[in-house]
């Protein structure tokens, strides 16, 4: 008898995303021009790496899976689910507008996670994915 995978909590998900953003910030600092584009590519594709795990999720032991099939997140799913953060990342270069957008989208994502029975954020709804704890 197999157990139903456990949905990842907000704290674990936040920790994994913070680790990913630290990695992106480090790349941007090390290679300023190319690092920005590399960071954007990583942000969009990261959840399709390592069998549905970004580096942050791999360290925290989380995994992104399709809500319907429970298969690991694909690169297509990763792009869809991270498009809101990628848009904020692109707009970050515009003073005030980008910063305000990031705050608004982060607050919206938080409210959606807290208000959803399955703990899904906007990106999860777009891509039809869930974040689970690895066993």
C-alpha atoms as a PDB file:
ATOM      1  CA  UNK A   1       0.000   0.000   0.000  1.00  0.00           C
ATOM      2  CA  UNK A   2       1.507   3.355  -1.022  1.00  0.00           C
ATOM      3  CA  UNK A   3       1.021   6.566   0.873  1.00  0.00           C
ATOM      4  CA  UNK A   4      -0.283   9.735  -0.728  1.00  0.00           C
ATOM      5  CA  UNK A   5       2.610  12.225  -1.076  1.00  0.00           C
ATOM      6  CA  UNK A   6       2.514  15.005   1.490  1.00  0.00           C
ATOM      7  CA  UNK A   7       2.096  18.572   0.217  1.00  0.00           C
ATOM      8  CA  UNK A   8       5.036  20.793   1.051  1.00  0.00           C
ATOM      9  CA  UNK A   9       4.449  23.453   3.653  1.00  0.00           C
ATOM     10  CA  UNK A  10       4.875  27.166   3.139  1.00  0.00           C
ATOM     11  CA  UNK A  11       8.069  27.380   5.215  1.00  0.00           C
ATOM     12  CA  UNK A  12       9.835  24.624   3.254  1.00  0.00           C
ATOM     13  CA  UNK A  13       8.722  26.059  -0.081  1.00  0.00           C
ATOM     14  CA  UNK A  14       9.890  29.533   0.915  1.00  0.00           C
ATOM     15  CA  UNK A  15      13.272  28.212   2.064  1.00  0.00           C
ATOM     16  CA  UNK A  16      13.772  26.393  -1.242  1.00  0.00           C
ATOM     17  CA  UNK A  17      12.847  29.493  -3.276  1.00  0.00           C
ATOM     18  CA  UNK A  18      15.151  31.686  -1.172  1.00  0.00           C
ATOM     19  CA  UNK A  19      18.037  29.272  -1.856  1.00  0.00           C
ATOM     20  CA  UNK A  20      17.275  29.477  -5.582  1.00  0.00           C
ATOM     21  CA  UNK A  21      17.217  33.290  -5.452  1.00  0.00           C
ATOM     22  CA  UNK A  22      20.541  33.315  -3.571  1.00  0.00           C
ATOM     23  CA  UNK A  23      22.022  31.160  -6.340  1.00  0.00           C
ATOM     24  CA  UNK A  24      20.649  33.539  -8.991  1.00  0.00           C
ATOM     25  CA  UNK A  25      22.003  36.583  -7.134  1.00  0.00           C
ATOM     26  CA  UNK A  26      25.437  34.952  -6.883  1.00  0.00           C
ATOM     27  CA  UNK A  27      25.519  34.248 -10.624  1.00  0.00           C
ATOM     28  CA  UNK A  28      24.450  37.828 -11.406  1.00  0.00           C
ATOM     29  CA  UNK A  29      27.253  39.158  -9.167  1.00  0.00           C
ATOM     30  CA  UNK A  30      29.919  36.855 -10.585  1.00  0.00           C
ATOM     31  CA  UNK A  31      29.049  37.402 -14.258  1.00  0.00           C
ATOM     32  CA  UNK A  32      27.060  40.665 -14.398  1.00  0.00           C
ATOM     33  CA  UNK A  33      25.814  40.774 -18.012  1.00  0.00           C
ATOM     34  CA  UNK A  34      25.495  37.099 -18.849  1.00  0.00           C
ATOM     35  CA  UNK A  35      24.553  36.320 -15.255  1.00  0.00           C
ATOM     36  CA  UNK A  36      21.270  38.201 -15.544  1.00  0.00           C
ATOM     37  CA  UNK A  37      20.197  36.083 -18.523  1.00  0.00           C
ATOM     38  CA  UNK A  38      21.530  32.900 -16.918  1.00  0.00           C
ATOM     39  CA  UNK A  39      19.527  33.760 -13.792  1.00  0.00           C
ATOM     40  CA  UNK A  40      16.389  34.268 -15.855  1.00  0.00           C
ATOM     41  CA  UNK A  41      16.915  30.949 -17.642  1.00  0.00           C
ATOM     42  CA  UNK A  42      17.502  29.166 -14.330  1.00  0.00           C
ATOM     43  CA  UNK A  43      14.425  30.779 -12.776  1.00  0.00           C
ATOM     44  CA  UNK A  44      12.232  29.619 -15.660  1.00  0.00           C
ATOM     45  CA  UNK A  45      13.677  26.118 -16.087  1.00  0.00           C
ATOM     46  CA  UNK A  46      14.825  25.206 -12.570  1.00  0.00           C
ATOM     47  CA  UNK A  47      11.861  23.065 -11.531  1.00  0.00           C
ATOM     48  CA  UNK A  48      12.317  20.888 -14.620  1.00  0.00           C
ATOM     49  CA  UNK A  49      15.849  19.974 -13.530  1.00  0.00           C
ATOM     50  CA  UNK A  50      16.797  16.977 -11.389  1.00  0.00           C
ATOM     51  CA  UNK A  51      13.539  15.065 -11.817  1.00  0.00           C
ATOM     52  CA  UNK A  52      11.260  17.983 -10.832  1.00  0.00           C
ATOM     53  CA  UNK A  53      13.601  19.722  -8.405  1.00  0.00           C
ATOM     54  CA  UNK A  54      15.437  23.008  -8.548  1.00  0.00           C
ATOM     55  CA  UNK A  55      18.693  23.129  -6.594  1.00  0.00           C
ATOM     56  CA  UNK A  56      16.856  24.761  -3.677  1.00  0.00           C
ATOM     57  CA  UNK A  57      14.130  22.119  -3.718  1.00  0.00           C
ATOM     58  CA  UNK A  58      16.722  19.350  -3.989  1.00  0.00           C
ATOM     59  CA  UNK A  59      18.495  20.664  -0.863  1.00  0.00           C
ATOM     60  CA  UNK A  60      15.218  21.039   1.067  1.00  0.00           C
ATOM     61  CA  UNK A  61      13.926  17.660  -0.254  1.00  0.00           C
ATOM     62  CA  UNK A  62      10.912  18.936  -2.180  1.00  0.00           C
ATOM     63  CA  UNK A  63       9.695  17.953  -5.621  1.00  0.00           C
ATOM     64  CA  UNK A  64       7.345  19.516  -8.183  1.00  0.00           C
ATOM     65  CA  UNK A  65       4.942  17.069  -9.789  1.00  0.00           C
ATOM     66  CA  UNK A  66       1.991  17.223 -12.144  1.00  0.00           C
ATOM     67  CA  UNK A  67      -1.238  17.414 -10.133  1.00  0.00           C
ATOM     68  CA  UNK A  68      -2.910  15.071 -12.586  1.00  0.00           C
ATOM     69  CA  UNK A  69      -0.293  12.385 -13.285  1.00  0.00           C
ATOM     70  CA  UNK A  70       2.101  12.783 -10.318  1.00  0.00           C
ATOM     71  CA  UNK A  71       4.970  12.692 -12.831  1.00  0.00           C
ATOM     72  CA  UNK A  72       7.940  15.042 -12.230  1.00  0.00           C
ATOM     73  CA  UNK A  73       7.646  18.606 -13.477  1.00  0.00           C
ATOM     74  CA  UNK A  74       8.695  19.114 -17.103  1.00  0.00           C
ATOM     75  CA  UNK A  75      10.549  22.132 -18.476  1.00  0.00           C
ATOM     76  CA  UNK A  76       7.254  23.347 -19.973  1.00  0.00           C
ATOM     77  CA  UNK A  77       5.556  23.084 -16.574  1.00  0.00           C
ATOM     78  CA  UNK A  78       8.510  24.852 -14.951  1.00  0.00           C
ATOM     79  CA  UNK A  79       8.279  27.780 -17.378  1.00  0.00           C
ATOM     80  CA  UNK A  80       4.538  28.103 -16.781  1.00  0.00           C
ATOM     81  CA  UNK A  81       4.754  27.884 -12.989  1.00  0.00           C
ATOM     82  CA  UNK A  82       7.674  30.312 -12.682  1.00  0.00           C
ATOM     83  CA  UNK A  83       6.530  32.875 -15.262  1.00  0.00           C
ATOM     84  CA  UNK A  84       5.141  35.194 -12.576  1.00  0.00           C
ATOM     85  CA  UNK A  85       8.501  35.320 -10.784  1.00  0.00           C
ATOM     86  CA  UNK A  86      10.343  35.660 -14.113  1.00  0.00           C
ATOM     87  CA  UNK A  87       8.231  38.677 -15.033  1.00  0.00           C
ATOM     88  CA  UNK A  88       9.060  40.240 -11.677  1.00  0.00           C
ATOM     89  CA  UNK A  89      12.751  39.415 -12.225  1.00  0.00           C
ATOM     90  CA  UNK A  90      12.675  41.212 -15.591  1.00  0.00           C
ATOM     91  CA  UNK A  91      10.811  44.223 -14.193  1.00  0.00           C
ATOM     92  CA  UNK A  92      13.195  44.447 -11.237  1.00  0.00           C
ATOM     93  CA  UNK A  93      15.492  46.536 -13.444  1.00  0.00           C
ATOM     94  CA  UNK A  94      12.884  49.323 -13.607  1.00  0.00           C
ATOM     95  CA  UNK A  95      13.060  51.328 -10.377  1.00  0.00           C
ATOM     96  CA  UNK A  96       9.833  51.402  -8.385  1.00  0.00           C
ATOM     97  CA  UNK A  97       7.684  49.648 -11.013  1.00  0.00           C
ATOM     98  CA  UNK A  98       9.642  46.398 -10.802  1.00  0.00           C
ATOM     99  CA  UNK A  99       9.992  46.544  -7.050  1.00  0.00           C
ATOM    100  CA  UNK A 100       6.279  47.227  -6.507  1.00  0.00           C
ATOM    101  CA  UNK A 101       5.387  44.417  -8.924  1.00  0.00           C
ATOM    102  CA  UNK A 102       7.582  41.953  -7.000  1.00  0.00           C
ATOM    103  CA  UNK A 103       5.912  42.906  -3.705  1.00  0.00           C
ATOM    104  CA  UNK A 104       2.413  42.611  -5.203  1.00  0.00           C
ATOM    105  CA  UNK A 105       3.055  39.268  -6.929  1.00  0.00           C
ATOM    106  CA  UNK A 106       4.756  37.836  -3.827  1.00  0.00           C
ATOM    107  CA  UNK A 107       1.841  38.912  -1.632  1.00  0.00           C
ATOM    108  CA  UNK A 108      -0.655  37.461  -4.112  1.00  0.00           C
ATOM    109  CA  UNK A 109       1.247  34.161  -4.256  1.00  0.00           C
ATOM    110  CA  UNK A 110       1.345  34.008  -0.436  1.00  0.00           C
ATOM    111  CA  UNK A 111      -2.389  34.666  -0.125  1.00  0.00           C
ATOM    112  CA  UNK A 112      -3.135  31.998  -2.728  1.00  0.00           C
ATOM    113  CA  UNK A 113      -0.949  29.405  -0.987  1.00  0.00           C
ATOM    114  CA  UNK A 114      -2.537  30.135   2.377  1.00  0.00           C
ATOM    115  CA  UNK A 115      -6.067  30.153   0.943  1.00  0.00           C
ATOM    116  CA  UNK A 116      -5.727  27.007  -1.148  1.00  0.00           C
ATOM    117  CA  UNK A 117      -6.595  23.629   0.341  1.00  0.00           C
ATOM    118  CA  UNK A 118      -3.815  22.049  -1.725  1.00  0.00           C
ATOM    119  CA  UNK A 119      -1.315  24.849  -0.969  1.00  0.00           C
ATOM    120  CA  UNK A 120      -1.093  25.954  -4.603  1.00  0.00           C
ATOM    121  CA  UNK A 121       0.169  29.314  -5.755  1.00  0.00           C
ATOM    122  CA  UNK A 122      -0.732  31.068  -9.019  1.00  0.00           C
ATOM    123  CA  UNK A 123       2.103  29.370 -10.909  1.00  0.00           C
ATOM    124  CA  UNK A 124       0.910  25.944  -9.739  1.00  0.00           C
ATOM    125  CA  UNK A 125      -2.573  26.718 -11.014  1.00  0.00           C
ATOM    126  CA  UNK A 126      -1.165  27.794 -14.421  1.00  0.00           C
ATOM    127  CA  UNK A 127       0.967  24.658 -14.793  1.00  0.00           C
ATOM    128  CA  UNK A 128      -1.313  22.253 -12.911  1.00  0.00           C
ATOM    129  CA  UNK A 129       1.495  21.262 -10.563  1.00  0.00           C
ATOM    130  CA  UNK A 130       1.942  20.554  -6.866  1.00  0.00           C
ATOM    131  CA  UNK A 131       4.957  20.734  -4.589  1.00  0.00           C
ATOM    132  CA  UNK A 132       5.414  17.662  -2.422  1.00  0.00           C
ATOM    133  CA  UNK A 133       7.862  16.518   0.210  1.00  0.00           C
ATOM    134  CA  UNK A 134      10.159  13.735  -0.937  1.00  0.00           C
ATOM    135  CA  UNK A 135      10.027  10.472   0.942  1.00  0.00           C
END
